[in-house]
C-alpha cells in the first residue's frame, strides 16, 4: 500500500470518534488523516501469480466489492474519492494516454464532497461492479 500525505491518528481529531458498534472498524479507534493538500492511498492487488484466484474471477465473474469509511473535519470542507480499476493481465491495452499511462479495462468511482462545518460524521463508501 502506498500512502502519500497521510498521518495516522490514534483518535480522530476534527471528526467524530470511530464507533465501537460498527463491525467494519474491528474495534479500532485510529484512522488515516490527511493534510490540507491532496493525499493519495493506493493499494494494488496483482493477480498475475495467483492462478486459482484468476481462474475464479474469469470463470465465475464474482462482484468486486470495496468499502471504506470517510469523514471530513468539522472546520473545513473536503473532497473524497474511492475508486477501483481493472487492467489486462499483462498491463497492456490497445490505447494509452499521451503521457504513457495505461487505460484501465474498467474504472468505478464514488465521490463525497463535504462542505465546511458539515464534515465530522463518518460515512460508508461502497464501490462495486
C-alpha atoms as a PDB file:
ATOM      1  CA  UNK A   1       0.000   0.000   0.000  1.00  0.00           C
ATOM      2  CA  UNK A   2       1.291   3.439  -0.918  1.00  0.00           C
ATOM      3  CA  UNK A   3       0.260   6.384   1.235  1.00  0.00           C
ATOM      4  CA  UNK A   4       1.109   9.936   0.223  1.00  0.00           C
ATOM      5  CA  UNK A   5       0.267  12.783   2.592  1.00  0.00           C
ATOM      6  CA  UNK A   6      -1.473  10.731   5.290  1.00  0.00           C
ATOM      7  CA  UNK A   7      -0.842  10.519   9.016  1.00  0.00           C
ATOM      8  CA  UNK A   8      -2.240   8.024  11.499  1.00  0.00           C
ATOM      9  CA  UNK A   9      -4.304   9.479  14.339  1.00  0.00           C
ATOM     10  CA  UNK A  10      -4.931   7.344  17.426  1.00  0.00           C
ATOM     11  CA  UNK A  11      -8.287   9.079  17.844  1.00  0.00           C
ATOM     12  CA  UNK A  12      -9.807  11.180  15.066  1.00  0.00           C
ATOM     13  CA  UNK A  13      -9.212  14.892  15.556  1.00  0.00           C
ATOM     14  CA  UNK A  14     -11.807  17.069  13.867  1.00  0.00           C
ATOM     15  CA  UNK A  15     -14.378  14.331  13.289  1.00  0.00           C
ATOM     16  CA  UNK A  16     -16.483  12.019  15.418  1.00  0.00           C
ATOM     17  CA  UNK A  17     -14.743   9.068  17.136  1.00  0.00           C
ATOM     18  CA  UNK A  18     -14.967   5.710  15.376  1.00  0.00           C
ATOM     19  CA  UNK A  19     -17.923   3.790  16.770  1.00  0.00           C
ATOM     20  CA  UNK A  20     -17.075   0.540  18.532  1.00  0.00           C
ATOM     21  CA  UNK A  21     -20.514  -0.739  17.432  1.00  0.00           C
ATOM     22  CA  UNK A  22     -19.524  -0.822  13.735  1.00  0.00           C
ATOM     23  CA  UNK A  23     -18.092  -4.263  12.817  1.00  0.00           C
ATOM     24  CA  UNK A  24     -16.085  -2.780   9.896  1.00  0.00           C
ATOM     25  CA  UNK A  25     -13.848  -0.927  12.384  1.00  0.00           C
ATOM     26  CA  UNK A  26     -12.791  -4.184  14.129  1.00  0.00           C
ATOM     27  CA  UNK A  27     -12.669  -2.384  17.472  1.00  0.00           C
ATOM     28  CA  UNK A  28     -10.058   0.107  16.210  1.00  0.00           C
ATOM     29  CA  UNK A  29     -10.198   3.756  17.181  1.00  0.00           C
ATOM     30  CA  UNK A  30      -7.403   5.042  14.915  1.00  0.00           C
ATOM     31  CA  UNK A  31      -7.754   6.398  11.392  1.00  0.00           C
ATOM     32  CA  UNK A  32      -5.809   7.893   8.498  1.00  0.00           C
ATOM     33  CA  UNK A  33      -5.809  11.683   8.451  1.00  0.00           C
ATOM     34  CA  UNK A  34      -4.936  13.977   5.575  1.00  0.00           C
ATOM     35  CA  UNK A  35      -3.381  17.397   5.481  1.00  0.00           C
ATOM     36  CA  UNK A  36      -4.667  20.498   3.737  1.00  0.00           C
ATOM     37  CA  UNK A  37      -3.170  19.192   0.472  1.00  0.00           C
ATOM     38  CA  UNK A  38      -4.103  16.404  -1.923  1.00  0.00           C
ATOM     39  CA  UNK A  39      -3.415  12.963  -0.478  1.00  0.00           C
ATOM     40  CA  UNK A  40      -3.485   9.540  -2.116  1.00  0.00           C
ATOM     41  CA  UNK A  41      -3.701   5.995  -0.822  1.00  0.00           C
ATOM     42  CA  UNK A  42      -3.120   3.256  -3.390  1.00  0.00           C
ATOM     43  CA  UNK A  43      -3.365  -0.492  -2.873  1.00  0.00           C
ATOM     44  CA  UNK A  44      -2.502  -2.706  -5.817  1.00  0.00           C
ATOM     45  CA  UNK A  45      -3.591  -6.331  -5.897  1.00  0.00           C
ATOM     46  CA  UNK A  46      -1.834  -8.257  -8.636  1.00  0.00           C
ATOM     47  CA  UNK A  47      -3.419 -11.481  -9.829  1.00  0.00           C
ATOM     48  CA  UNK A  48      -0.530 -12.348 -12.139  1.00  0.00           C
ATOM     49  CA  UNK A  49       0.878 -15.129  -9.896  1.00  0.00           C
ATOM     50  CA  UNK A  50      -2.420 -16.190  -8.329  1.00  0.00           C
ATOM     51  CA  UNK A  51      -3.724 -18.732 -10.821  1.00  0.00           C
ATOM     52  CA  UNK A  52      -6.611 -20.065  -8.724  1.00  0.00           C
ATOM     53  CA  UNK A  53      -7.929 -16.585  -7.982  1.00  0.00           C
ATOM     54  CA  UNK A  54      -7.575 -15.626 -11.655  1.00  0.00           C
ATOM     55  CA  UNK A  55      -9.489 -18.781 -12.629  1.00  0.00           C
ATOM     56  CA  UNK A  56     -12.299 -17.969 -10.191  1.00  0.00           C
ATOM     57  CA  UNK A  57     -12.551 -14.387 -11.476  1.00  0.00           C
ATOM     58  CA  UNK A  58     -12.610 -15.488 -15.123  1.00  0.00           C
ATOM     59  CA  UNK A  59     -14.913 -18.493 -14.652  1.00  0.00           C
ATOM     60  CA  UNK A  60     -17.462 -17.170 -12.161  1.00  0.00           C
ATOM     61  CA  UNK A  61     -17.114 -13.394 -12.620  1.00  0.00           C
ATOM     62  CA  UNK A  62     -17.907 -12.503  -8.995  1.00  0.00           C
ATOM     63  CA  UNK A  63     -18.784  -8.971  -7.954  1.00  0.00           C
ATOM     64  CA  UNK A  64     -15.890  -6.797  -6.827  1.00  0.00           C
ATOM     65  CA  UNK A  65     -16.914  -5.011  -3.645  1.00  0.00           C
ATOM     66  CA  UNK A  66     -14.723  -2.369  -1.968  1.00  0.00           C
ATOM     67  CA  UNK A  67     -15.687  -0.342   1.101  1.00  0.00           C
ATOM     68  CA  UNK A  68     -14.048   2.438   3.044  1.00  0.00           C
ATOM     69  CA  UNK A  69     -15.301   4.806   5.702  1.00  0.00           C
ATOM     70  CA  UNK A  70     -14.595   8.532   5.341  1.00  0.00           C
ATOM     71  CA  UNK A  71     -15.297  11.711   7.279  1.00  0.00           C
ATOM     72  CA  UNK A  72     -14.380  15.327   6.792  1.00  0.00           C
ATOM     73  CA  UNK A  73     -13.325  17.698   9.535  1.00  0.00           C
ATOM     74  CA  UNK A  74     -15.728  19.933  11.387  1.00  0.00           C
ATOM     75  CA  UNK A  75     -13.860  23.113  10.377  1.00  0.00           C
ATOM     76  CA  UNK A  76     -13.108  22.760   6.650  1.00  0.00           C
ATOM     77  CA  UNK A  77     -14.558  21.258   3.504  1.00  0.00           C
ATOM     78  CA  UNK A  78     -13.061  18.381   1.535  1.00  0.00           C
ATOM     79  CA  UNK A  79     -13.487  16.087  -1.438  1.00  0.00           C
ATOM     80  CA  UNK A  80     -13.051  12.327  -1.050  1.00  0.00           C
ATOM     81  CA  UNK A  81     -12.917   9.794  -3.874  1.00  0.00           C
ATOM     82  CA  UNK A  82     -12.787   5.987  -3.743  1.00  0.00           C
ATOM     83  CA  UNK A  83     -12.133   4.158  -6.984  1.00  0.00           C
ATOM     84  CA  UNK A  84     -11.216   0.749  -8.338  1.00  0.00           C
ATOM     85  CA  UNK A  85      -9.564  -0.007 -11.656  1.00  0.00           C
ATOM     86  CA  UNK A  86      -9.094  -3.231 -13.562  1.00  0.00           C
ATOM     87  CA  UNK A  87      -6.280  -3.835 -16.041  1.00  0.00           C
ATOM     88  CA  UNK A  88      -5.354  -6.513 -18.558  1.00  0.00           C
ATOM     89  CA  UNK A  89      -3.255  -9.337 -17.121  1.00  0.00           C
ATOM     90  CA  UNK A  90      -0.058  -8.118 -18.767  1.00  0.00           C
ATOM     91  CA  UNK A  91      -0.850  -4.447 -18.165  1.00  0.00           C
ATOM     92  CA  UNK A  92      -1.033  -3.760 -21.899  1.00  0.00           C
ATOM     93  CA  UNK A  93      -4.123  -2.431 -23.620  1.00  0.00           C
ATOM     94  CA  UNK A  94      -4.766  -1.213 -27.157  1.00  0.00           C
ATOM     95  CA  UNK A  95      -4.651   2.519 -26.412  1.00  0.00           C
ATOM     96  CA  UNK A  96      -2.859   4.718 -23.955  1.00  0.00           C
ATOM     97  CA  UNK A  97      -2.907   8.342 -22.902  1.00  0.00           C
ATOM     98  CA  UNK A  98      -0.413  10.848 -24.286  1.00  0.00           C
ATOM     99  CA  UNK A  99       1.550  10.682 -21.041  1.00  0.00           C
ATOM    100  CA  UNK A 100       2.099   6.918 -21.458  1.00  0.00           C
ATOM    101  CA  UNK A 101      -0.288   5.816 -18.724  1.00  0.00           C
ATOM    102  CA  UNK A 102      -2.365   2.696 -19.297  1.00  0.00           C
ATOM    103  CA  UNK A 103      -6.118   2.870 -19.861  1.00  0.00           C
ATOM    104  CA  UNK A 104      -7.935   0.534 -17.458  1.00  0.00           C
ATOM    105  CA  UNK A 105     -10.484  -2.053 -18.592  1.00  0.00           C
ATOM    106  CA  UNK A 106     -12.885  -0.565 -16.075  1.00  0.00           C
ATOM    107  CA  UNK A 107     -12.865   2.309 -13.628  1.00  0.00           C
ATOM    108  CA  UNK A 108     -15.568   2.702 -10.990  1.00  0.00           C
ATOM    109  CA  UNK A 109     -15.556   5.568  -8.529  1.00  0.00           C
ATOM    110  CA  UNK A 110     -17.621   7.117  -5.735  1.00  0.00           C
ATOM    111  CA  UNK A 111     -17.111  10.676  -4.609  1.00  0.00           C
ATOM    112  CA  UNK A 112     -18.058  12.534  -1.455  1.00  0.00           C
ATOM    113  CA  UNK A 113     -17.949  16.328  -1.184  1.00  0.00           C
ATOM    114  CA  UNK A 114     -18.175  17.767   2.316  1.00  0.00           C
ATOM    115  CA  UNK A 115     -18.935  21.447   2.846  1.00  0.00           C
ATOM    116  CA  UNK A 116     -17.252  23.446   5.582  1.00  0.00           C
ATOM    117  CA  UNK A 117     -18.810  22.960   9.053  1.00  0.00           C
ATOM    118  CA  UNK A 118     -20.610  19.764   7.939  1.00  0.00           C
ATOM    119  CA  UNK A 119     -17.946  17.104   7.841  1.00  0.00           C
ATOM    120  CA  UNK A 120     -17.421  15.306  11.103  1.00  0.00           C
ATOM    121  CA  UNK A 121     -19.757  12.340  10.582  1.00  0.00           C
ATOM    122  CA  UNK A 122     -18.329   9.049   9.222  1.00  0.00           C
ATOM    123  CA  UNK A 123     -19.916   7.713   6.022  1.00  0.00           C
ATOM    124  CA  UNK A 124     -19.511   4.296   4.449  1.00  0.00           C
ATOM    125  CA  UNK A 125     -18.494   4.458   0.784  1.00  0.00           C
ATOM    126  CA  UNK A 126     -19.092   1.384  -1.384  1.00  0.00           C
ATOM    127  CA  UNK A 127     -17.754   0.723  -4.879  1.00  0.00           C
ATOM    128  CA  UNK A 128     -18.809  -2.419  -6.716  1.00  0.00           C
ATOM    129  CA  UNK A 129     -19.009  -3.670 -10.257  1.00  0.00           C
END
